[in-house]
Amino acid sequence: MEDILAEASAVQAIIGHSIAGRQTRGASQRLADVFNPATGEVAARVALGTAQDVADAVAAAKAAFPAWADTPPLRRARILFKFKELLDQHHDDLAALITREHG
């Protein structure tokens, strides 16, 4: 478990936004500290979004919606089952990350 926490520290040094399938720090470039509640240490930094970042995310979601709406129910179910499979496969890592973030 310590390996995943050390890896998370390196990987999550700066947490940005995911908009239209791309990672971005956002328009403002402002960051805020994320603290480990158990130690009080800074665990990561998170990008602070702007109104433009929100507008970009909403526009991306609106643009993606027609394709998702046209996706047949069986394909949607397969996608969601794959998501569940990935959650199950990585539940220990996810639990460690959430614990590190929330205590």
C-alpha atoms as a PDB file:
ATOM      1  CA  MET A   1       0.000   0.000   0.000  1.00  0.00           C
ATOM      2  CA  GLU A   2       2.860   2.407   0.703  1.00  0.00           C
ATOM      3  CA  ASP A   3       4.012   1.969  -2.894  1.00  0.00           C
ATOM      4  CA  ILE A   4       0.678   3.150  -4.250  1.00  0.00           C
ATOM      5  CA  LEU A   5       0.686   6.136  -1.881  1.00  0.00           C
ATOM      6  CA  ALA A   6       4.191   7.117  -2.935  1.00  0.00           C
ATOM      7  CA  GLU A   7       3.205   6.712  -6.560  1.00  0.00           C
ATOM      8  CA  ALA A   8       0.064   8.779  -5.983  1.00  0.00           C
ATOM      9  CA  SER A   9       2.163  11.576  -4.515  1.00  0.00           C
ATOM     10  CA  ALA A  10       4.260  11.717  -7.636  1.00  0.00           C
ATOM     11  CA  VAL A  11       1.377  11.297 -10.057  1.00  0.00           C
ATOM     12  CA  GLN A  12      -1.010  13.657  -8.300  1.00  0.00           C
ATOM     13  CA  ALA A  13       1.450  16.465  -7.675  1.00  0.00           C
ATOM     14  CA  ILE A  14      -0.970  18.683  -9.599  1.00  0.00           C
ATOM     15  CA  ILE A  15      -4.554  17.577 -10.176  1.00  0.00           C
ATOM     16  CA  GLY A  16      -6.148  19.306 -13.136  1.00  0.00           C
ATOM     17  CA  HIS A  17      -9.433  19.073 -14.976  1.00  0.00           C
ATOM     18  CA  SER A  18     -10.548  16.542 -17.541  1.00  0.00           C
ATOM     19  CA  ILE A  19     -12.446  18.363 -20.286  1.00  0.00           C
ATOM     20  CA  ALA A  20     -13.355  16.719 -23.591  1.00  0.00           C
ATOM     21  CA  GLY A  21     -11.018  13.827 -22.843  1.00  0.00           C
ATOM     22  CA  ARG A  22      -8.012  16.082 -22.280  1.00  0.00           C
ATOM     23  CA  GLN A  23      -6.235  16.989 -19.072  1.00  0.00           C
ATOM     24  CA  THR A  24      -5.848  20.713 -18.452  1.00  0.00           C
ATOM     25  CA  ARG A  25      -4.829  22.976 -15.616  1.00  0.00           C
ATOM     26  CA  GLY A  26      -7.553  25.400 -16.596  1.00  0.00           C
ATOM     27  CA  ALA A  27      -7.573  28.996 -17.670  1.00  0.00           C
ATOM     28  CA  SER A  28      -6.573  30.601 -14.378  1.00  0.00           C
ATOM     29  CA  GLN A  29      -3.445  28.540 -13.660  1.00  0.00           C
ATOM     30  CA  ARG A  30      -4.283  29.079  -9.953  1.00  0.00           C
ATOM     31  CA  LEU A  31      -3.699  26.139  -7.613  1.00  0.00           C
ATOM     32  CA  ALA A  32      -4.877  25.191  -4.125  1.00  0.00           C
ATOM     33  CA  ASP A  33      -3.294  22.766  -1.699  1.00  0.00           C
ATOM     34  CA  VAL A  34      -4.911  19.415  -0.908  1.00  0.00           C
ATOM     35  CA  PHE A  35      -4.000  18.295   2.595  1.00  0.00           C
ATOM     36  CA  ASN A  36      -3.636  14.791   3.960  1.00  0.00           C
ATOM     37  CA  PRO A  37      -5.981  15.008   6.965  1.00  0.00           C
ATOM     38  CA  ALA A  38      -4.001  12.405   8.910  1.00  0.00           C
ATOM     39  CA  THR A  39      -0.685  14.239   8.683  1.00  0.00           C
ATOM     40  CA  GLY A  40      -1.591  17.793   7.743  1.00  0.00           C
ATOM     41  CA  GLU A  41       0.957  17.594   4.927  1.00  0.00           C
ATOM     42  CA  VAL A  42       0.224  18.845   1.436  1.00  0.00           C
ATOM     43  CA  ALA A  43      -0.667  15.726  -0.545  1.00  0.00           C
ATOM     44  CA  ALA A  44      -1.238  17.412  -3.897  1.00  0.00           C
ATOM     45  CA  ARG A  45      -2.243  20.654  -5.522  1.00  0.00           C
ATOM     46  CA  VAL A  46      -5.501  21.081  -7.388  1.00  0.00           C
ATOM     47  CA  ALA A  47      -6.180  23.445 -10.275  1.00  0.00           C
ATOM     48  CA  LEU A  48      -8.875  26.012  -9.533  1.00  0.00           C
ATOM     49  CA  GLY A  49     -11.402  26.278 -12.319  1.00  0.00           C
ATOM     50  CA  THR A  50     -12.819  29.434 -13.824  1.00  0.00           C
ATOM     51  CA  ALA A  51     -16.205  30.218 -15.319  1.00  0.00           C
ATOM     52  CA  GLN A  52     -14.594  29.595 -18.728  1.00  0.00           C
ATOM     53  CA  ASP A  53     -13.425  26.140 -17.597  1.00  0.00           C
ATOM     54  CA  VAL A  54     -16.983  25.329 -16.540  1.00  0.00           C
ATOM     55  CA  ALA A  55     -18.351  26.633 -19.843  1.00  0.00           C
ATOM     56  CA  ASP A  56     -15.802  24.504 -21.733  1.00  0.00           C
ATOM     57  CA  ALA A  57     -16.755  21.401 -19.716  1.00  0.00           C
ATOM     58  CA  VAL A  58     -20.481  21.991 -20.264  1.00  0.00           C
ATOM     59  CA  ALA A  59     -19.929  22.542 -23.996  1.00  0.00           C
ATOM     60  CA  ALA A  60     -17.892  19.320 -24.205  1.00  0.00           C
ATOM     61  CA  ALA A  61     -20.604  17.383 -22.377  1.00  0.00           C
ATOM     62  CA  LYS A  62     -23.296  18.799 -24.667  1.00  0.00           C
ATOM     63  CA  ALA A  63     -21.217  17.894 -27.717  1.00  0.00           C
ATOM     64  CA  ALA A  64     -20.681  14.329 -26.458  1.00  0.00           C
ATOM     65  CA  PHE A  65     -24.297  13.729 -25.463  1.00  0.00           C
ATOM     66  CA  PRO A  66     -25.780  12.978 -28.922  1.00  0.00           C
ATOM     67  CA  ALA A  67     -23.294  10.150 -29.508  1.00  0.00           C
ATOM     68  CA  TRP A  68     -24.017   8.692 -26.059  1.00  0.00           C
ATOM     69  CA  ALA A  69     -27.772   9.058 -26.612  1.00  0.00           C
ATOM     70  CA  ASP A  70     -27.419   7.152 -29.903  1.00  0.00           C
ATOM     71  CA  THR A  71     -25.427   4.368 -28.240  1.00  0.00           C
ATOM     72  CA  PRO A  72     -27.533   1.200 -28.122  1.00  0.00           C
ATOM     73  CA  PRO A  73     -28.543   0.060 -24.615  1.00  0.00           C
ATOM     74  CA  LEU A  74     -26.503  -3.152 -24.868  1.00  0.00           C
ATOM     75  CA  ARG A  75     -23.342  -1.170 -25.698  1.00  0.00           C
ATOM     76  CA  ARG A  76     -24.023   1.223 -22.806  1.00  0.00           C
ATOM     77  CA  ALA A  77     -24.457  -1.734 -20.464  1.00  0.00           C
ATOM     78  CA  ARG A  78     -21.145  -3.210 -21.632  1.00  0.00           C
ATOM     79  CA  ILE A  79     -19.389   0.097 -20.997  1.00  0.00           C
ATOM     80  CA  LEU A  80     -20.843   0.331 -17.490  1.00  0.00           C
ATOM     81  CA  PHE A  81     -19.963  -3.295 -16.722  1.00  0.00           C
ATOM     82  CA  LYS A  82     -16.398  -2.608 -17.878  1.00  0.00           C
ATOM     83  CA  PHE A  83     -16.326   0.397 -15.539  1.00  0.00           C
ATOM     84  CA  LYS A  84     -17.486  -1.832 -12.674  1.00  0.00           C
ATOM     85  CA  GLU A  85     -14.837  -4.408 -13.595  1.00  0.00           C
ATOM     86  CA  LEU A  86     -12.139  -1.730 -13.447  1.00  0.00           C
ATOM     87  CA  LEU A  87     -13.435  -0.489 -10.084  1.00  0.00           C
ATOM     88  CA  ASP A  88     -13.330  -4.040  -8.723  1.00  0.00           C
ATOM     89  CA  GLN A  89      -9.882  -4.635 -10.184  1.00  0.00           C
ATOM     90  CA  HIS A  90      -8.432  -1.478  -8.620  1.00  0.00           C
ATOM     91  CA  HIS A  91     -10.490  -1.196  -5.427  1.00  0.00           C
ATOM     92  CA  ASP A  92      -7.470  -1.452  -3.104  1.00  0.00           C
ATOM     93  CA  ASP A  93      -5.639   1.328  -4.930  1.00  0.00           C
ATOM     94  CA  LEU A  94      -8.766   3.494  -5.042  1.00  0.00           C
ATOM     95  CA  ALA A  95      -9.405   2.932  -1.330  1.00  0.00           C
ATOM     96  CA  ALA A  96      -5.822   3.941  -0.521  1.00  0.00           C
ATOM     97  CA  LEU A  97      -6.111   7.111  -2.593  1.00  0.00           C
ATOM     98  CA  ILE A  98      -9.460   8.087  -1.079  1.00  0.00           C
ATOM     99  CA  THR A  99      -8.188   7.393   2.434  1.00  0.00           C
ATOM    100  CA  ARG A 100      -5.120   9.492   1.758  1.00  0.00           C
ATOM    101  CA  GLU A 101      -7.278  12.357   0.520  1.00  0.00           C
ATOM    102  CA  HIS A 102     -10.099  12.209   3.067  1.00  0.00           C
ATOM    103  CA  GLY A 103      -8.572  10.504   6.088  1.00  0.00           C
END
